[in-house]
N, C-alpha and C. Protein backbone atom coordinates (compact mmCIF):
# COMPACT_ATOMS: atom_id res chain seq x y z
N MET A 1 -12.78 -51.97 -47.00
CA MET A 1 -13.93 -50.92 -47.49
C MET A 1 -13.82 -49.72 -48.87
N ASP A 2 -15.54 -50.14 -49.02
CA ASP A 2 -15.28 -49.69 -50.98
C ASP A 2 -15.51 -48.14 -50.33
N ASN A 3 -15.11 -47.34 -51.27
CA ASN A 3 -15.84 -45.83 -51.73
C ASN A 3 -17.10 -45.62 -50.84
N LYS A 4 -18.06 -45.84 -51.14
CA LYS A 4 -19.34 -45.18 -50.59
C LYS A 4 -19.48 -46.06 -48.80
N THR A 5 -18.75 -46.61 -48.32
CA THR A 5 -19.13 -47.16 -46.89
C THR A 5 -18.39 -46.58 -46.27
N LEU A 6 -17.10 -46.02 -47.32
CA LEU A 6 -16.11 -44.60 -46.55
C LEU A 6 -16.86 -43.32 -46.60
N ASN A 7 -17.16 -43.12 -47.47
CA ASN A 7 -17.89 -41.38 -47.52
C ASN A 7 -19.20 -41.41 -46.47
N SER A 8 -20.30 -42.26 -46.10
CA SER A 8 -21.17 -43.22 -45.52
C SER A 8 -20.75 -42.44 -44.09
N THR A 9 -19.46 -43.11 -43.85
CA THR A 9 -19.03 -43.46 -42.35
C THR A 9 -18.35 -42.20 -42.40
N ASN A 10 -17.85 -41.40 -43.39
CA ASN A 10 -17.13 -40.22 -42.73
C ASN A 10 -18.35 -39.33 -42.37
N ARG A 11 -19.46 -39.00 -43.46
CA ARG A 11 -20.66 -38.34 -43.06
C ARG A 11 -21.43 -38.41 -41.99
N THR A 12 -20.99 -39.84 -41.10
CA THR A 12 -22.12 -40.31 -39.81
C THR A 12 -21.05 -39.43 -38.63
N ILE A 13 -19.22 -39.29 -39.02
CA ILE A 13 -19.03 -38.90 -38.15
C ILE A 13 -18.99 -37.58 -37.73
N TYR A 14 -18.72 -37.07 -39.36
CA TYR A 14 -18.97 -34.82 -38.77
C TYR A 14 -20.49 -34.81 -38.42
N ILE A 15 -21.77 -35.91 -38.64
CA ILE A 15 -23.04 -35.55 -38.22
C ILE A 15 -22.46 -35.50 -36.61
N ILE A 16 -21.84 -36.74 -35.93
CA ILE A 16 -21.86 -36.78 -34.59
C ILE A 16 -21.27 -36.21 -34.07
N LEU A 17 -20.28 -35.16 -34.88
CA LEU A 17 -19.43 -34.00 -34.62
C LEU A 17 -19.78 -32.99 -34.17
N PHE A 18 -20.52 -32.89 -35.55
CA PHE A 18 -21.59 -30.84 -35.35
C PHE A 18 -22.50 -31.23 -34.41
N CYS A 19 -23.24 -32.86 -33.83
CA CYS A 19 -23.89 -32.46 -33.00
C CYS A 19 -23.08 -32.43 -31.49
N CYS A 20 -22.61 -32.45 -31.02
CA CYS A 20 -21.55 -32.14 -30.19
C CYS A 20 -21.06 -31.22 -30.29
N PHE A 21 -20.91 -30.50 -30.72
CA PHE A 21 -20.25 -29.14 -30.39
C PHE A 21 -21.88 -28.47 -30.50
N ALA A 22 -22.60 -28.20 -31.29
CA ALA A 22 -24.18 -27.91 -30.95
C ALA A 22 -24.57 -27.77 -29.48
N LEU A 23 -24.37 -29.52 -29.18
CA LEU A 23 -25.08 -29.31 -27.36
C LEU A 23 -23.88 -28.41 -26.86
N VAL A 24 -22.59 -28.87 -26.69
CA VAL A 24 -21.70 -27.87 -25.57
C VAL A 24 -21.39 -26.40 -25.80
N GLY A 25 -22.08 -25.87 -27.00
CA GLY A 25 -22.51 -24.88 -27.63
C GLY A 25 -23.36 -24.06 -26.66
N LEU A 26 -24.75 -24.87 -26.44
CA LEU A 26 -25.70 -24.44 -25.69
C LEU A 26 -25.68 -24.74 -24.19
N LEU A 27 -25.22 -25.69 -23.93
CA LEU A 27 -24.75 -26.02 -22.47
C LEU A 27 -24.37 -24.84 -21.87
N VAL A 28 -22.72 -23.70 -22.42
CA VAL A 28 -22.01 -23.38 -21.99
C VAL A 28 -23.35 -22.19 -22.21
N PHE A 29 -23.82 -21.40 -24.03
CA PHE A 29 -25.24 -20.61 -23.10
C PHE A 29 -26.45 -20.92 -22.54
N PHE A 30 -26.88 -21.75 -22.00
CA PHE A 30 -27.71 -22.46 -20.42
C PHE A 30 -27.06 -22.08 -19.69
N LEU A 31 -25.74 -22.33 -19.15
CA LEU A 31 -25.23 -23.00 -17.72
C LEU A 31 -24.47 -21.46 -17.80
N GLY A 32 -23.81 -20.70 -18.66
CA GLY A 32 -22.55 -19.85 -18.47
C GLY A 32 -23.56 -18.49 -18.16
N ASP A 33 -22.42 -18.04 -17.68
CA ASP A 33 -22.84 -17.09 -16.64
C ASP A 33 -22.44 -15.56 -17.64
N PHE A 34 -23.07 -15.11 -18.91
CA PHE A 34 -22.83 -13.97 -19.53
C PHE A 34 -22.78 -12.68 -19.16
N SER A 35 -23.41 -12.68 -18.25
CA SER A 35 -24.68 -11.20 -17.22
C SER A 35 -23.67 -10.75 -17.20
N LYS A 36 -23.18 -10.00 -18.01
CA LYS A 36 -22.78 -8.33 -16.78
C LYS A 36 -22.59 -7.41 -15.92
N ASN A 37 -24.04 -8.21 -15.28
CA ASN A 37 -24.26 -7.26 -14.38
C ASN A 37 -24.38 -8.19 -13.12
N THR A 38 -23.08 -8.62 -12.82
CA THR A 38 -23.25 -10.06 -11.94
C THR A 38 -21.89 -9.43 -11.53
N SER A 39 -21.38 -10.34 -11.15
CA SER A 39 -20.12 -10.50 -9.90
C SER A 39 -19.08 -9.82 -9.89
N ASP A 40 -19.00 -9.82 -11.51
CA ASP A 40 -17.45 -8.67 -11.35
C ASP A 40 -17.58 -6.97 -11.07
N MET A 41 -19.21 -6.44 -12.44
CA MET A 41 -19.59 -5.17 -11.94
C MET A 41 -20.48 -5.07 -10.27
N CYS A 42 -20.87 -5.79 -9.78
CA CYS A 42 -21.32 -5.96 -8.59
C CYS A 42 -19.89 -5.73 -7.12
N SER A 43 -18.74 -6.37 -7.53
CA SER A 43 -17.60 -6.17 -7.16
C SER A 43 -17.09 -5.02 -6.92
N PHE A 44 -17.21 -4.44 -9.01
CA PHE A 44 -16.31 -3.47 -8.92
C PHE A 44 -17.23 -1.82 -8.28
N HIS A 45 -18.26 -1.87 -7.66
CA HIS A 45 -19.74 -1.44 -7.40
C HIS A 45 -20.03 -1.56 -5.73
N LYS A 46 -19.15 -2.03 -5.56
CA LYS A 46 -20.05 -2.80 -4.23
C LYS A 46 -19.78 -0.97 -2.90
N GLU A 47 -18.14 -0.76 -3.00
CA GLU A 47 -18.05 0.36 -2.48
C GLU A 47 -18.56 0.95 -2.74
N LEU A 48 -19.21 1.93 -4.12
CA LEU A 48 -20.67 2.84 -4.22
C LEU A 48 -21.31 2.29 -3.39
N PHE A 49 -22.30 0.80 -3.70
CA PHE A 49 -23.00 0.48 -3.13
C PHE A 49 -23.22 1.15 -1.23
N GLN A 50 -22.11 0.39 -0.30
CA GLN A 50 -22.00 0.27 0.98
C GLN A 50 -21.43 1.78 0.76
N THR A 51 -21.94 3.11 0.90
CA THR A 51 -21.50 4.57 1.18
C THR A 51 -22.90 5.16 0.83
N GLN A 52 -22.57 5.60 1.97
CA GLN A 52 -23.75 7.45 1.76
C GLN A 52 -23.35 8.65 1.30
N LEU A 53 -24.14 8.82 -0.39
CA LEU A 53 -23.57 9.97 -1.06
C LEU A 53 -24.32 10.98 -0.68
N ASP A 54 -23.32 12.53 0.50
CA ASP A 54 -25.13 13.30 0.36
C ASP A 54 -24.93 14.37 -0.74
N SER A 55 -23.76 14.64 -1.34
CA SER A 55 -23.61 15.92 -2.90
C SER A 55 -22.37 15.34 -3.17
N ALA A 56 -22.58 13.60 -4.11
CA ALA A 56 -21.53 13.91 -4.83
C ALA A 56 -22.02 14.20 -6.44
N VAL A 57 -20.88 14.85 -7.39
CA VAL A 57 -21.29 16.00 -8.52
C VAL A 57 -20.57 15.34 -9.98
N VAL A 58 -21.55 14.91 -10.93
CA VAL A 58 -20.86 14.29 -11.73
C VAL A 58 -20.15 15.32 -12.66
N VAL A 59 -18.84 14.61 -12.36
CA VAL A 59 -17.85 15.38 -13.30
C VAL A 59 -16.90 14.83 -14.41
N ARG A 60 -17.19 13.76 -14.96
CA ARG A 60 -17.11 13.37 -16.41
C ARG A 60 -18.44 12.59 -16.37
N HIS A 61 -18.80 12.59 -17.89
CA HIS A 61 -19.68 11.65 -18.36
C HIS A 61 -19.33 11.24 -20.48
N PHE A 62 -18.61 10.33 -20.40
CA PHE A 62 -19.07 9.42 -21.53
C PHE A 62 -19.03 8.74 -21.92
N VAL A 63 -18.66 7.56 -23.41
CA VAL A 63 -18.68 6.41 -23.40
C VAL A 63 -17.21 6.53 -23.39
N ASP A 64 -17.07 5.30 -22.88
CA ASP A 64 -15.96 4.34 -22.95
C ASP A 64 -15.10 3.51 -23.55
N LYS A 65 -14.88 4.12 -25.17
CA LYS A 65 -14.66 3.57 -26.23
C LYS A 65 -13.77 2.19 -26.30
N PRO A 66 -12.63 2.95 -25.96
CA PRO A 66 -11.31 1.88 -25.52
C PRO A 66 -12.25 0.56 -24.59
N ASN A 67 -12.84 0.79 -23.53
CA ASN A 67 -13.18 -0.06 -22.92
C ASN A 67 -14.94 -0.44 -23.17
N HIS A 68 -14.94 -0.94 -23.57
CA HIS A 68 -16.13 -1.72 -24.98
C HIS A 68 -16.73 -1.07 -24.76
N ALA A 69 -16.87 0.04 -24.95
CA ALA A 69 -17.84 1.44 -25.18
C ALA A 69 -18.96 1.90 -24.30
N MET A 70 -18.84 0.89 -22.42
CA MET A 70 -19.31 1.41 -21.21
C MET A 70 -19.51 2.93 -21.02
N LYS A 71 -20.77 3.14 -20.56
CA LYS A 71 -21.96 3.72 -20.19
C LYS A 71 -20.94 4.61 -18.89
N THR A 72 -19.80 5.43 -19.07
CA THR A 72 -19.34 5.79 -17.46
C THR A 72 -19.28 7.16 -17.07
N VAL A 73 -19.25 7.09 -16.12
CA VAL A 73 -19.98 8.79 -15.05
C VAL A 73 -18.80 8.97 -13.64
N ASP A 74 -18.33 9.29 -13.96
CA ASP A 74 -17.78 9.78 -12.88
C ASP A 74 -18.13 10.52 -11.62
N LEU A 75 -17.73 10.39 -10.47
CA LEU A 75 -18.67 11.29 -9.50
C LEU A 75 -17.63 11.75 -8.28
N ARG A 76 -17.90 12.53 -7.63
CA ARG A 76 -16.45 13.07 -6.79
C ARG A 76 -17.12 13.49 -5.63
N THR A 77 -17.02 13.11 -4.55
CA THR A 77 -17.48 14.41 -3.20
C THR A 77 -16.20 15.19 -2.57
N ASN A 78 -16.42 15.23 -1.59
CA ASN A 78 -15.24 15.87 -0.65
C ASN A 78 -14.16 15.22 -0.27
N GLU A 79 -14.53 13.63 -0.39
CA GLU A 79 -13.23 12.78 0.67
C GLU A 79 -12.66 11.63 -0.80
N LYS A 80 -13.46 11.38 -2.21
CA LYS A 80 -13.59 10.38 -3.02
C LYS A 80 -13.53 10.68 -4.41
N GLU A 81 -13.50 9.52 -5.44
CA GLU A 81 -13.90 9.64 -6.54
C GLU A 81 -14.41 8.23 -6.64
N TYR A 82 -15.85 8.05 -7.77
CA TYR A 82 -16.20 6.83 -7.82
C TYR A 82 -16.68 6.40 -9.53
N THR A 83 -16.68 5.99 -9.61
CA THR A 83 -17.35 5.29 -11.63
C THR A 83 -18.19 4.71 -10.65
N ILE A 84 -19.18 5.39 -12.39
CA ILE A 84 -19.60 4.15 -12.32
C ILE A 84 -20.47 3.52 -13.58
N TYR A 85 -19.99 2.74 -13.76
CA TYR A 85 -21.22 2.28 -15.58
C TYR A 85 -22.57 1.96 -15.84
N PHE A 86 -22.68 2.21 -16.22
CA PHE A 86 -23.84 1.51 -16.73
C PHE A 86 -24.10 1.57 -17.57
N ILE A 87 -24.61 -0.61 -17.30
CA ILE A 87 -24.48 -1.33 -18.04
C ILE A 87 -25.78 -1.98 -18.54
N PRO A 88 -26.50 -1.88 -16.95
CA PRO A 88 -27.90 -2.74 -17.94
C PRO A 88 -28.57 -1.49 -18.62
N PRO A 89 -29.10 -2.88 -19.72
CA PRO A 89 -29.84 -1.47 -20.24
C PRO A 89 -31.02 -0.53 -20.07
N ASP A 90 -31.43 -1.01 -19.51
CA ASP A 90 -32.76 -0.57 -18.21
C ASP A 90 -32.46 0.79 -17.84
N ASN A 91 -30.79 1.25 -17.35
CA ASN A 91 -30.38 2.20 -17.28
C ASN A 91 -30.14 3.18 -18.01
N ASP A 92 -29.91 2.84 -19.50
CA ASP A 92 -29.08 3.83 -20.65
C ASP A 92 -30.32 4.86 -20.72
N SER A 93 -31.57 5.11 -19.95
CA SER A 93 -31.86 6.64 -20.18
C SER A 93 -31.87 7.19 -18.67
N ASP A 94 -31.25 6.74 -18.18
CA ASP A 94 -30.62 7.36 -16.70
C ASP A 94 -29.65 7.76 -17.38
N PHE A 95 -28.55 6.91 -17.66
CA PHE A 95 -27.22 7.70 -18.53
C PHE A 95 -27.60 9.00 -19.43
N ASP A 96 -28.19 8.63 -20.37
CA ASP A 96 -28.39 9.61 -21.06
C ASP A 96 -28.59 10.83 -20.73
N LYS A 97 -30.31 11.32 -19.02
CA LYS A 97 -30.53 12.26 -18.63
C LYS A 97 -28.88 12.74 -17.96
N LEU A 98 -28.20 12.57 -17.16
CA LEU A 98 -26.93 12.82 -16.97
C LEU A 98 -26.88 13.73 -16.91
N GLN A 99 -25.97 14.88 -15.93
CA GLN A 99 -25.57 15.72 -17.05
C GLN A 99 -24.12 16.34 -16.07
N LEU A 100 -23.13 16.84 -16.67
CA LEU A 100 -21.75 17.53 -15.93
C LEU A 100 -22.38 18.41 -15.06
N GLY A 101 -22.10 17.95 -13.51
CA GLY A 101 -22.68 19.15 -12.27
C GLY A 101 -23.73 18.68 -11.77
N ASP A 102 -24.21 17.38 -12.49
CA ASP A 102 -26.01 17.02 -11.45
C ASP A 102 -25.00 16.61 -10.34
N ILE A 103 -25.82 17.34 -9.29
CA ILE A 103 -25.70 15.92 -8.21
C ILE A 103 -26.68 14.96 -7.60
N LEU A 104 -25.46 14.09 -7.05
CA LEU A 104 -26.79 12.90 -6.69
C LEU A 104 -26.32 12.79 -5.13
N THR A 105 -27.49 11.74 -4.71
CA THR A 105 -27.41 11.38 -2.99
C THR A 105 -28.05 10.50 -3.11
N LYS A 106 -27.69 9.49 -1.99
CA LYS A 106 -27.85 8.13 -2.29
C LYS A 106 -27.45 7.52 -0.89
N GLU A 107 -28.50 6.65 -0.14
CA GLU A 107 -28.51 5.86 1.33
C GLU A 107 -27.50 5.22 1.10
N LYS A 108 -27.25 4.43 2.28
CA LYS A 108 -26.10 3.52 2.08
C LYS A 108 -26.54 2.28 1.92
N GLY A 109 -26.34 1.24 1.26
CA GLY A 109 -26.76 0.25 0.87
C GLY A 109 -28.24 -0.01 -0.50
N THR A 110 -27.51 0.86 -0.91
CA THR A 110 -28.63 0.94 -2.01
C THR A 110 -27.70 1.79 -3.67
N PHE A 111 -28.71 1.02 -4.27
CA PHE A 111 -28.20 1.76 -5.94
C PHE A 111 -29.11 3.19 -6.08
N GLU A 112 -29.85 3.24 -5.95
CA GLU A 112 -30.88 3.89 -5.31
C GLU A 112 -30.53 5.90 -5.60
N MET A 113 -30.14 6.19 -6.54
CA MET A 113 -29.67 7.51 -6.13
C MET A 113 -30.98 8.55 -6.95
N LYS A 114 -30.62 9.83 -5.60
CA LYS A 114 -31.70 10.82 -6.37
C LYS A 114 -30.59 12.02 -7.43
N VAL A 115 -31.37 12.71 -8.07
CA VAL A 115 -30.33 13.31 -9.19
C VAL A 115 -31.24 15.00 -8.70
N ASN A 116 -30.13 15.90 -8.21
CA ASN A 116 -30.73 17.37 -8.17
C ASN A 116 -32.29 17.74 -7.33
N ASN A 117 -32.26 16.63 -6.43
CA ASN A 117 -33.57 16.41 -5.89
C ASN A 117 -34.75 16.84 -6.52
N ALA A 118 -34.87 15.74 -8.01
CA ALA A 118 -35.70 16.39 -9.02
C ALA A 118 -35.98 15.06 -9.10
N TRP A 119 -35.24 14.15 -8.95
CA TRP A 119 -35.78 12.32 -10.01
C TRP A 119 -34.43 11.73 -8.90
N ILE A 120 -35.22 10.61 -9.51
CA ILE A 120 -34.45 9.13 -8.27
C ILE A 120 -34.42 8.03 -9.63
N PHE A 121 -33.29 7.21 -10.06
CA PHE A 121 -32.65 6.34 -11.01
C PHE A 121 -32.40 5.32 -10.07
N ARG A 122 -31.96 4.09 -9.84
CA ARG A 122 -31.61 3.13 -9.29
C ARG A 122 -31.24 1.93 -10.76
N LEU A 123 -29.27 2.34 -9.99
CA LEU A 123 -28.07 1.05 -10.94
C LEU A 123 -29.06 -0.55 -10.39
N ARG A 124 -29.01 -1.13 -11.78
CA ARG A 124 -29.79 -2.59 -12.20
C ARG A 124 -28.99 -3.71 -11.70
N TYR A 125 -28.08 -3.46 -10.94
CA TYR A 125 -27.72 -4.59 -10.67
C TYR A 125 -28.16 -5.67 -9.26
N GLU A 126 -27.86 -6.53 -9.94
CA GLU A 126 -28.89 -7.85 -8.99
C GLU A 126 -27.59 -8.66 -8.07
N CYS A 127 -27.38 -8.07 -7.17
CA CYS A 127 -25.77 -8.26 -6.05
C CYS A 127 -26.43 -8.41 -4.99
N THR A 128 -25.51 -9.34 -4.35
CA THR A 128 -26.00 -10.26 -2.97
C THR A 128 -24.67 -9.44 -1.89
N PHE A 129 -24.54 -8.04 -1.57
CA PHE A 129 -23.95 -8.46 -0.89
C PHE A 129 -24.03 -8.64 0.44
């Protein structure tokens, strides 16, 4: 085989390999579940979803930089503490409005929370509990 044929064959192989990698990348992108507001976050927030809050107090409000800079709020009731991660971008402004000492109430079976009886926000997780 001469040099020209060998270069043409190598080029064809490289093009085929590139197309295969591109196709696999596209399949992973479109079929993979890269949404942070699905299974892991739903399982993490399941107890909060299934609990009624009467007067939960915001005791910590911070951006957890070691944990991928997650916007995090810790709530405390008389019986228990809950952590909320504000992952969906729809909830960025809700996180920014919350302050230490705010009182949250919520009905069982929902992510809709009332803050200080003044305004309401809903965590935008789409969970199937």
